[in-house]
């Protein structure tokens, strides 16, 4: 998996949290994930199936982390189990994946993003079994969360994909 495919997701996640919540997220060293268990129950997942790459993206947050983000984004105090926490997770997943897709498109890489799924009860994450998963752990003012990226470039000799010739 090329770092050029992963960096736009990291950059966009940091940008969204800095802009929307005035946070200063810091990431630790990435590592290769073993197994499919979710790090946290609040998880957003986005399948990726584009002309140039395919795979999966996941964002996992501890309840207190997503609650803090939701309160900042909305601008008011919410209850710990407010439905807005799950809704913010979906918005965050959309903003991160959409921004990363645009950055990669500027580099000539076509990613097709499917609609995200998000839940507050994640137990497993559905990454493609054949692909390695890179985990980037983050810290948000002492609150942990994780970005998981599993991407693979497609070979350029696919004759037809998505109704377009691509040699």
Foldseek 3Di string as FASTA:
>chain_A
DDVLLVVLLVVQLQVCCCVQQVWRKDWDDKDWDDFFFAPAQWKKKKWKDWPWKTKIKMKHFHLVVLQSSQCRNVVHHDPSPDPSSNVVSQVSVCRSVVRSQVVVVVVVGHIDIDRMDTGNGGTGDDIPPVWIKMWIWMATPNGIMIMITTMDTDDQCDQDDPRDGGD
